[in-house]
Amino acid sequence: MSTPSWLVAKPIAHRGLHDKANGIIENTISAAEAAIARGFPIELDVQLTADNEAIVFHDFELDRLTGESGLVAERNLSTLTGIGISGTMGGDKIPSLKDYLAKIAGRTPLVIEIKSKFNGDMRLTKCVIEIMSDYKGPFVIKSFDPEIVAYLRQHAPNITRGFIGELEYASKADSFLTPEKKHRMANLLDFEAMQPHFLSWRVKDLPCASTHLSRLLGNLPVMTWTVRNPEDRAKAEKYADQMVFEGFLP
């Protein structure tokens, strides 16, 4: 499968074209509409609900982006979609993936990141595959979790899939990972099982062997995240094929 040309054609808005100062918050319908208005593809995150549905939301916890607290995975879909996003001027609530797709309706390409706790749970991946089977617009799916990317290869081979990587894995979200797993992921040691169509790599880690050799020997496009300043952009232009950006208009 060839990688879609749009993936490297225009910079991708990280979680939509959000602007907190003006009440446009990440992963909301308002942020999506702002990206569409400027002609940018959208990167978005999906999480699993307690009743095995998919919502568009980045964090495992509700605390940072809403007035609620606790784990997303402990709430059902109907509860979550009734929760307002803090700081929004547009009255945005947490969108379900189905509602988000209905609003986008193919007007711009989507880069969907499946979040993971690296525990072998494929419920969210199965849910996303099922939902996207009816979607008519352009999209790709990516994940930090090699097992998810390998699952996509096995069970949804017609979906363009990407692996998200970095060298350190030092954030709170990476606390689920063993040192051995971090080493495997940073060095693409699960490449054969995944056979990704593209890589998505942390801009601070460029250049590195994993992306350089993938581009040189495998002809894999590399997008890089999250580009926020001129230094990052210069790296993206030199060492990657595309960037996922926020905080400015490229």
Protein backbone atom coordinates (compact mmCIF):
# COMPACT_ATOMS: atom_id res chain seq x y z
CA MET A 1 0.00 0.00 0.00
CA SER A 2 1.32 3.43 -0.90
CA THR A 3 1.13 6.25 1.63
CA PRO A 4 -1.53 8.84 0.67
CA SER A 5 -0.04 11.93 -0.93
CA TRP A 6 -1.89 14.28 1.44
CA LEU A 7 0.14 12.96 4.36
CA VAL A 8 3.17 14.95 3.21
CA ALA A 9 1.40 17.73 1.31
CA LYS A 10 0.43 20.17 4.06
CA PRO A 11 1.30 20.58 7.77
CA ILE A 12 -1.00 18.77 10.19
CA ALA A 13 -2.73 20.64 13.02
CA HIS A 14 -1.93 18.98 16.36
CA ARG A 15 -5.26 18.10 18.02
CA GLY A 16 -6.89 20.53 15.64
CA LEU A 17 -6.01 24.20 15.28
CA HIS A 18 -6.46 25.00 18.95
CA ASP A 19 -5.87 28.39 20.54
CA LYS A 20 -6.49 28.41 24.28
CA ALA A 21 -6.23 32.20 24.53
CA ASN A 22 -9.21 32.51 22.21
CA GLY A 23 -11.24 29.68 23.75
CA ILE A 24 -10.47 27.03 21.15
CA ILE A 25 -9.35 23.92 23.02
CA GLU A 26 -7.54 20.85 21.74
CA ASN A 27 -9.46 17.91 20.26
CA THR A 28 -12.75 19.81 20.16
CA ILE A 29 -15.10 20.35 17.26
CA SER A 30 -14.17 24.05 17.41
CA ALA A 31 -10.48 23.20 16.96
CA ALA A 32 -11.39 20.92 14.07
CA GLU A 33 -13.44 23.63 12.37
CA ALA A 34 -10.58 26.11 12.79
CA ALA A 35 -8.20 23.66 11.07
CA ILE A 36 -10.67 23.07 8.25
CA ALA A 37 -11.09 26.80 7.74
CA ARG A 38 -7.32 27.09 7.18
CA GLY A 39 -7.10 23.98 5.02
CA PHE A 40 -5.03 21.86 7.44
CA PRO A 41 -5.36 18.12 8.08
CA ILE A 42 -6.08 17.26 11.71
CA GLU A 43 -4.30 15.01 14.18
CA LEU A 44 -6.63 13.74 16.94
CA ASP A 45 -6.51 11.32 19.86
CA VAL A 46 -9.00 8.63 20.80
CA GLN A 47 -9.65 6.99 24.15
CA LEU A 48 -11.83 4.06 25.25
CA THR A 49 -14.90 4.53 27.44
CA ALA A 50 -16.21 2.18 30.11
CA ASP A 51 -18.80 0.85 27.66
CA ASN A 52 -16.23 0.17 24.92
CA GLU A 53 -16.91 3.22 22.78
CA ALA A 54 -14.41 5.75 21.40
CA ILE A 55 -14.15 9.42 22.32
CA VAL A 56 -11.87 12.15 21.02
CA PHE A 57 -9.73 13.07 24.02
CA HIS A 58 -5.99 13.00 24.73
CA ASP A 59 -5.54 12.33 28.45
CA PHE A 60 -6.32 9.19 30.43
CA GLU A 61 -7.64 11.49 33.17
CA LEU A 62 -10.36 14.13 32.93
CA ASP A 63 -8.70 16.62 35.27
CA ARG A 64 -6.60 18.79 32.94
CA LEU A 65 -9.24 19.58 30.33
CA THR A 66 -12.54 19.47 32.21
CA GLY A 67 -14.07 20.38 35.54
CA GLU A 68 -14.30 16.67 36.37
CA SER A 69 -11.69 14.34 37.84
CA GLY A 70 -10.94 10.65 37.47
CA LEU A 71 -10.22 8.25 34.66
CA VAL A 72 -11.87 8.47 31.26
CA ALA A 73 -12.05 4.66 31.14
CA GLU A 74 -14.32 4.61 34.20
CA ARG A 75 -17.08 6.70 32.56
CA ASN A 76 -19.51 5.58 29.88
CA LEU A 77 -20.03 7.32 26.57
CA SER A 78 -23.23 9.15 27.45
CA THR A 79 -21.63 10.63 30.58
CA LEU A 80 -18.43 11.68 28.86
CA THR A 81 -20.12 13.38 25.92
CA GLY A 82 -22.07 15.51 28.40
CA ILE A 83 -18.90 16.88 30.01
CA GLY A 84 -17.88 20.38 28.96
CA ILE A 85 -14.32 21.27 28.02
CA SER A 86 -12.79 23.91 30.31
CA GLY A 87 -11.96 27.24 28.71
CA THR A 88 -13.94 26.75 25.54
CA MET A 89 -15.80 29.72 24.10
CA GLY A 90 -17.89 27.54 21.82
CA GLY A 91 -19.56 25.40 24.46
CA ASP A 92 -17.61 22.34 23.36
CA LYS A 93 -18.13 19.02 25.09
CA ILE A 94 -16.08 15.85 24.74
CA PRO A 95 -17.03 14.45 21.32
CA SER A 96 -17.52 10.80 20.54
CA LEU A 97 -15.45 9.62 17.59
CA LYS A 98 -18.65 8.97 15.64
CA ASP A 99 -19.95 12.49 16.24
CA TYR A 100 -16.56 14.00 15.44
CA LEU A 101 -16.45 12.15 12.11
CA ALA A 102 -19.99 13.22 11.31
CA LYS A 103 -18.96 16.86 11.80
CA ILE A 104 -15.78 16.54 9.73
CA ALA A 105 -17.57 14.60 6.97
CA GLY A 106 -14.47 14.20 4.85
CA ARG A 107 -13.71 17.93 4.61
CA THR A 108 -10.07 17.43 5.64
CA PRO A 109 -7.80 14.41 6.16
CA LEU A 110 -7.47 12.94 9.64
CA VAL A 111 -4.52 11.41 11.49
CA ILE A 112 -6.06 9.33 14.27
CA GLU A 113 -3.88 8.37 17.23
CA ILE A 114 -5.02 5.37 19.24
CA LYS A 115 -3.95 5.86 22.86
CA SER A 116 -2.65 2.86 24.77
CA LYS A 117 -1.56 1.66 28.19
CA PHE A 118 0.60 -1.01 26.52
CA ASN A 119 -1.28 -3.87 28.14
CA GLY A 120 -2.40 -5.83 25.07
CA ASP A 121 -5.96 -4.48 25.24
CA MET A 122 -7.26 -4.18 21.67
CA ARG A 123 -10.83 -3.10 22.46
CA LEU A 124 -10.26 0.50 21.41
CA THR A 125 -8.42 -0.55 18.26
CA LYS A 126 -11.26 -2.88 17.28
CA CYS A 127 -13.78 -0.12 17.94
CA VAL A 128 -11.87 2.39 15.80
CA ILE A 129 -11.50 -0.10 12.95
CA GLU A 130 -15.23 -0.75 12.99
CA ILE A 131 -16.16 2.93 13.10
CA MET A 132 -13.72 3.89 10.35
CA SER A 133 -14.98 1.13 8.06
CA ASP A 134 -18.00 3.34 7.33
CA TYR A 135 -16.12 6.63 7.04
CA LYS A 136 -15.76 8.03 3.53
CA GLY A 137 -13.14 10.71 4.13
CA PRO A 138 -9.34 10.39 4.00
CA PHE A 139 -7.63 9.18 7.18
CA VAL A 140 -4.70 7.23 8.59
CA ILE A 141 -4.23 5.62 12.01
CA LYS A 142 -1.13 5.67 14.18
CA SER A 143 -0.09 4.62 17.68
CA PHE A 144 2.85 4.54 20.07
CA ASP A 145 2.00 0.91 20.79
CA PRO A 146 3.70 -1.56 18.41
CA GLU A 147 1.10 -4.20 19.25
CA ILE A 148 -1.68 -1.91 18.05
CA VAL A 149 0.13 -1.18 14.80
CA ALA A 150 0.73 -4.90 14.30
CA TYR A 151 -2.94 -5.56 15.01
CA LEU A 152 -3.92 -3.02 12.37
CA ARG A 153 -1.63 -4.77 9.91
CA GLN A 154 -3.26 -8.13 10.61
CA HIS A 155 -6.91 -7.12 10.90
CA ALA A 156 -7.22 -3.94 8.83
CA PRO A 157 -4.51 -4.17 6.17
CA ASN A 158 -6.25 -1.65 3.92
CA ILE A 159 -5.89 1.12 6.53
CA THR A 160 -2.71 3.20 6.28
CA ARG A 161 -0.93 2.71 9.60
CA GLY A 162 1.91 4.53 11.30
CA PHE A 163 4.14 4.06 14.33
CA ILE A 164 4.85 6.95 16.71
CA GLY A 165 8.32 6.89 18.19
CA GLU A 166 10.88 8.76 20.23
CA LEU A 167 14.20 8.00 21.90
CA GLU A 168 13.59 8.57 25.62
CA TYR A 169 9.96 7.75 26.56
CA ALA A 170 10.29 9.80 29.74
CA SER A 171 6.80 11.30 30.06
CA LYS A 172 4.08 10.34 32.55
CA ALA A 173 2.23 8.51 29.79
CA ASP A 174 5.25 6.25 29.31
CA SER A 175 5.21 5.00 32.91
CA PHE A 176 3.55 1.81 31.65
CA LEU A 177 6.69 0.85 29.73
CA THR A 178 9.58 -1.32 30.90
CA PRO A 179 13.13 -0.29 29.99
CA GLU A 180 13.26 -3.25 27.60
CA LYS A 181 10.08 -2.09 25.84
CA LYS A 182 11.40 1.46 25.54
CA HIS A 183 14.57 0.13 23.94
CA ARG A 184 12.62 -1.95 21.42
CA MET A 185 10.39 0.95 20.47
CA ALA A 186 13.15 3.55 20.16
CA ASN A 187 15.10 1.23 17.87
CA LEU A 188 12.15 -0.04 15.81
CA LEU A 189 12.80 -3.63 16.81
CA ASP A 190 9.14 -4.49 16.21
CA PHE A 191 9.26 -3.15 12.65
CA GLU A 192 8.70 -6.55 11.02
CA ALA A 193 5.52 -7.21 13.00
CA MET A 194 4.18 -3.69 12.40
CA GLN A 195 5.34 -2.97 8.85
CA PRO A 196 4.16 0.63 9.18
CA HIS A 197 3.46 2.80 6.17
CA PHE A 198 4.90 5.88 7.88
CA LEU A 199 6.64 7.00 11.06
CA SER A 200 5.69 9.84 13.39
CA TRP A 201 8.73 10.89 15.44
CA ARG A 202 9.48 13.39 18.22
CA VAL A 203 11.10 16.46 16.70
CA LYS A 204 13.54 16.88 19.60
CA ASP A 205 15.04 13.48 18.72
CA LEU A 206 15.80 14.28 15.08
CA PRO A 207 18.03 13.30 13.43
CA CYS A 208 18.31 9.71 14.60
CA ALA A 209 19.10 6.33 13.08
CA SER A 210 15.54 4.99 13.25
CA THR A 211 14.07 7.71 11.07
CA HIS A 212 17.12 8.23 8.85
CA LEU A 213 17.36 4.57 7.87
CA SER A 214 13.60 4.26 7.44
CA ARG A 215 13.61 7.13 4.97
CA LEU A 216 16.81 6.07 3.24
CA LEU A 217 16.35 2.32 3.00
CA GLY A 218 12.63 1.84 3.42
CA ASN A 219 11.36 4.92 1.62
CA LEU A 220 9.01 5.55 4.55
CA PRO A 221 7.73 9.10 5.03
CA VAL A 222 8.41 10.59 8.45
CA MET A 223 6.15 13.13 10.10
CA THR A 224 7.49 14.84 13.20
CA TRP A 225 5.81 16.20 16.35
CA THR A 226 5.17 18.55 17.98
CA VAL A 227 6.62 21.50 16.08
CA ARG A 228 6.17 24.70 18.08
CA ASN A 229 8.99 27.09 17.16
CA PRO A 230 11.41 28.03 14.34
CA GLU A 231 14.10 25.65 15.61
CA ASP A 232 11.67 22.73 15.55
CA ARG A 233 10.46 23.74 12.10
CA ALA A 234 13.99 23.85 10.72
CA LYS A 235 14.57 20.32 12.02
CA ALA A 236 11.30 19.14 10.51
CA GLU A 237 12.18 20.60 7.12
CA LYS A 238 15.64 19.02 7.14
CA TYR A 239 14.99 15.61 8.65
CA ALA A 240 11.30 14.81 8.08
CA ASP A 241 8.69 14.84 5.33
CA GLN A 242 5.89 16.46 7.29
CA MET A 243 5.21 18.15 10.61
CA VAL A 244 2.48 18.10 13.22
CA PHE A 245 2.38 21.66 14.55
CA GLU A 246 0.73 23.87 17.17
CA GLY A 247 0.97 27.42 18.43
CA PHE A 248 1.58 29.12 15.09
CA LEU A 249 0.36 29.12 11.49
CA PRO A 250 2.86 27.56 9.08
